[in-house]
Protein backbone atom coordinates (compact mmCIF):
# COMPACT_ATOMS: atom_id res chain seq x y z
CA UNK A 1 0.26 -0.01 0.29
CA UNK A 2 2.93 2.63 -0.95
CA UNK A 3 0.16 4.55 -3.09
CA UNK A 4 -1.71 6.68 -0.91
CA UNK A 5 -4.65 6.42 -3.12
CA UNK A 6 -4.79 2.84 -3.57
CA UNK A 7 -8.18 1.43 -3.40
CA UNK A 8 -7.34 -0.79 -0.14
CA UNK A 9 -6.06 2.72 2.13
CA UNK A 10 -9.27 4.40 0.75
CA UNK A 11 -12.06 1.11 2.14
CA UNK A 12 -9.73 1.41 5.60
CA UNK A 13 -9.69 4.76 5.74
CA UNK A 14 -13.51 4.40 5.33
CA UNK A 15 -13.70 1.57 7.56
CA UNK A 16 -11.91 3.50 10.28
CA UNK A 17 -14.17 6.26 10.46
CA UNK A 18 -16.54 5.75 13.24
CA UNK A 19 -20.00 4.72 12.48
CA UNK A 20 -19.62 3.54 9.01
CA UNK A 21 -18.90 -0.05 9.74
CA UNK A 22 -22.08 -0.05 11.73
CA UNK A 23 -23.54 1.53 8.77
CA UNK A 24 -22.43 -1.24 6.35
CA UNK A 25 -23.38 -3.59 9.27
CA UNK A 26 -27.13 -3.01 8.68
CA UNK A 27 -27.87 -0.36 11.73
CA UNK A 28 -28.55 2.53 8.66
CA UNK A 29 -30.66 4.78 9.58
CA UNK A 30 -30.96 6.02 6.21
CA UNK A 31 -31.98 3.09 4.38
CA UNK A 32 -28.65 2.36 2.06
CA UNK A 33 -28.23 -1.12 1.68
CA UNK A 34 -24.70 -3.04 1.64
CA UNK A 35 -24.47 -2.76 -1.92
CA UNK A 36 -25.39 0.89 -1.92
CA UNK A 37 -22.80 1.67 0.39
CA UNK A 38 -20.27 -0.12 -1.84
CA UNK A 39 -21.38 1.97 -4.36
CA UNK A 40 -20.29 5.19 -2.29
CA UNK A 41 -17.00 3.62 -1.34
CA UNK A 42 -16.24 2.87 -4.95
CA UNK A 43 -17.51 6.43 -5.83
CA UNK A 44 -14.90 7.98 -3.67
CA UNK A 45 -12.26 5.27 -5.42
CA UNK A 46 -12.84 6.70 -8.81
CA UNK A 47 -12.77 10.07 -7.35
CA UNK A 48 -9.57 9.27 -5.97
CA UNK A 49 -8.02 8.43 -9.37
CA UNK A 50 -7.00 4.83 -8.00
CA UNK A 51 -4.64 2.58 -10.24
CA UNK A 52 -7.27 0.35 -9.85
CA UNK A 53 -11.44 0.50 -9.85
CA UNK A 54 -13.35 -1.49 -7.36
CA UNK A 55 -17.21 -2.47 -8.44
CA UNK A 56 -19.50 -2.78 -5.32
CA UNK A 57 -19.39 -6.44 -5.52
CA UNK A 58 -15.43 -6.02 -5.05
CA UNK A 59 -15.80 -4.02 -2.46
CA UNK A 60 -18.23 -6.02 -0.40
CA UNK A 61 -15.95 -9.16 -0.93
CA UNK A 62 -12.82 -7.25 0.03
CA UNK A 63 -14.96 -6.25 3.40
CA UNK A 64 -16.03 -9.47 4.03
CA UNK A 65 -12.29 -10.60 3.26
CA UNK A 66 -11.20 -8.19 5.93
CA UNK A 67 -13.41 -9.14 8.17
CA UNK A 68 -12.50 -12.56 8.35
CA UNK A 69 -9.05 -12.17 8.71
CA UNK A 70 -10.37 -9.90 11.65
CA UNK A 71 -12.16 -12.56 13.39
CA UNK A 72 -9.21 -15.18 12.66
CA UNK A 73 -6.26 -12.75 13.98
CA UNK A 74 -8.44 -11.92 17.15
CA UNK A 75 -9.52 -15.64 17.87
CA UNK A 76 -6.34 -16.70 17.54
CA UNK A 77 -4.65 -14.20 20.24
CA UNK A 78 -7.11 -15.14 22.57
CA UNK A 79 -6.39 -18.55 22.07
CA UNK A 80 -2.95 -17.85 22.78
CA UNK A 81 -3.40 -17.24 26.48
CA UNK A 82 -0.17 -15.31 27.33
CA UNK A 83 -0.58 -13.93 24.11
CA UNK A 84 2.17 -13.11 22.06
CA UNK A 85 5.01 -11.11 22.96
CA UNK A 86 7.02 -8.32 21.80
CA UNK A 87 10.62 -7.76 20.77
CA UNK A 88 12.03 -5.18 22.61
CA UNK A 89 10.33 -1.53 22.08
CA UNK A 90 7.43 -3.45 19.95
CA UNK A 91 3.54 -3.53 20.84
CA UNK A 92 2.55 -7.49 21.25
CA UNK A 93 -0.02 -9.16 18.87
CA UNK A 94 -2.32 -8.60 21.45
CA UNK A 95 -2.15 -5.24 21.34
CA UNK A 96 -2.29 -4.63 18.23
CA UNK A 97 -5.36 -6.93 17.89
CA UNK A 98 -7.27 -4.94 20.39
CA UNK A 99 -6.18 -1.23 18.52
CA UNK A 100 -7.79 -2.57 15.39
CA UNK A 101 -10.63 -4.31 17.69
CA UNK A 102 -11.56 -1.09 18.36
CA UNK A 103 -12.17 0.09 14.54
CA UNK A 104 -14.44 -2.92 14.29
CA UNK A 105 -16.20 -2.52 17.60
CA UNK A 106 -18.96 -4.18 16.48
CA UNK A 107 -17.55 -7.61 16.25
CA UNK A 108 -16.05 -7.96 19.87
CA UNK A 109 -19.73 -7.53 21.00
CA UNK A 110 -21.33 -9.32 18.88
CA UNK A 111 -19.25 -12.35 17.62
């Protein structure tokens, strides 16, 4: 993700905005579907002139993939007991998962 305008960077930035992931998961008072929200993200990617444009269905699949990877990492970290220890000056894996959990608080409360 060296390119600041990569489609993945824009997607992650969008997911990190408080409330956006909740909107995507269905707590959406504006009545937009997941596809409608993915169209919104697709337009942001197009507007940023990324090298690769993403269709709404590709964005939906990528969000699903990111969520699956988050769940697997979180589950693994929980099962290690003591956790994964860091080298001097680095954060542990559990600390990193904790930081990520704040972004995906929906998963830690509903799954």
